[in-house]
Amino acid sequence: MEHQPVETEIARKSALIYLPISLGMALLFVVTASVVGNYPLVAKIGGAFWIGLLSLIVSMPVVTSHVKRQLRGQGS
């Protein structure tokens, strides 16, 4: 069970990185859609949700593997 604290730390640190990335992308989408076009609110919210979800799917494995590499390299 010695891997459990390490895996928990990796998951926590990764989430602190990829969640703000996804939320930032969603917010950027809302701001851009508001400035560039005259879209209804439901389109902005739906688009923000979609962009946030896709950026979460893309950034989660990339960030997690990077954090894992950093922590494993630091422990050696």
Protein backbone atom coordinates (compact mmCIF):
# COMPACT_ATOMS: atom_id res chain seq x y z
CA MET A 1 0.00 0.00 0.00
CA GLU A 2 2.94 2.39 -0.26
CA HIS A 3 1.83 3.48 -3.74
CA GLN A 4 -1.47 4.87 -2.45
CA PRO A 5 -0.11 8.15 -0.98
CA VAL A 6 2.01 8.77 -4.09
CA GLU A 7 -0.93 8.15 -6.44
CA THR A 8 -3.16 10.40 -4.33
CA GLU A 9 -0.58 13.19 -4.47
CA ILE A 10 -0.22 12.79 -8.23
CA ALA A 11 -3.99 12.96 -8.72
CA ARG A 12 -4.36 15.99 -6.45
CA LYS A 13 -1.53 17.97 -8.05
CA SER A 14 -2.73 17.06 -11.54
CA ALA A 15 -6.28 18.18 -10.79
CA LEU A 16 -4.99 21.51 -9.50
CA ILE A 17 -3.46 22.06 -12.94
CA TYR A 18 -5.91 20.62 -15.49
CA LEU A 19 -9.14 21.86 -13.90
CA PRO A 20 -8.14 25.55 -14.10
CA ILE A 21 -6.96 24.96 -17.68
CA SER A 22 -10.38 23.58 -18.63
CA LEU A 23 -12.30 26.29 -16.78
CA GLY A 24 -10.08 28.94 -18.36
CA MET A 25 -10.74 27.58 -21.82
CA ALA A 26 -14.49 27.60 -21.16
CA LEU A 27 -14.33 31.17 -19.88
CA LEU A 28 -12.24 32.20 -22.87
CA PHE A 29 -14.89 30.70 -25.15
CA VAL A 30 -17.68 32.68 -23.44
CA VAL A 31 -15.72 35.92 -23.65
CA THR A 32 -14.81 35.33 -27.28
CA ALA A 33 -18.38 34.39 -28.23
CA SER A 34 -19.66 37.52 -26.48
CA VAL A 35 -17.20 39.86 -28.17
CA VAL A 36 -17.11 38.39 -31.67
CA GLY A 37 -20.72 37.40 -32.27
CA ASN A 38 -24.26 37.96 -31.17
CA TYR A 39 -25.02 34.45 -29.95
CA PRO A 40 -27.86 33.52 -27.60
CA LEU A 41 -27.02 32.72 -23.98
CA VAL A 42 -27.87 29.03 -24.38
CA ALA A 43 -25.36 28.73 -27.24
CA LYS A 44 -22.65 30.37 -25.14
CA ILE A 45 -23.33 28.10 -22.17
CA GLY A 46 -23.51 24.97 -24.33
CA GLY A 47 -20.33 25.92 -26.14
CA ALA A 48 -18.55 26.68 -22.89
CA PHE A 49 -19.58 23.30 -21.49
CA TRP A 50 -18.43 21.54 -24.65
CA ILE A 51 -15.08 23.36 -24.79
CA GLY A 52 -14.52 22.77 -21.07
CA LEU A 53 -15.26 19.06 -21.42
CA LEU A 54 -13.04 18.62 -24.47
CA SER A 55 -10.15 20.52 -22.93
CA LEU A 56 -10.53 18.42 -19.77
CA ILE A 57 -10.37 15.23 -21.85
CA VAL A 58 -7.27 16.43 -23.68
CA SER A 59 -5.38 18.01 -20.78
CA MET A 60 -6.01 15.35 -18.13
CA PRO A 61 -3.67 12.62 -19.45
CA VAL A 62 -1.03 15.11 -20.58
CA VAL A 63 -0.86 16.90 -17.22
CA THR A 64 -1.09 13.70 -15.18
CA SER A 65 1.80 12.08 -17.01
CA HIS A 66 3.89 15.24 -16.64
CA VAL A 67 3.21 15.46 -12.90
CA LYS A 68 3.88 11.75 -12.49
CA ARG A 69 7.24 12.12 -14.27
CA GLN A 70 8.16 15.08 -12.08
CA LEU A 71 7.26 13.37 -8.79
CA ARG A 72 8.90 10.06 -9.69
CA GLY A 73 12.05 11.87 -10.81
CA GLN A 74 12.07 13.92 -7.63
CA GLY A 75 11.82 10.84 -5.41
CA SER A 76 14.78 9.07 -7.05
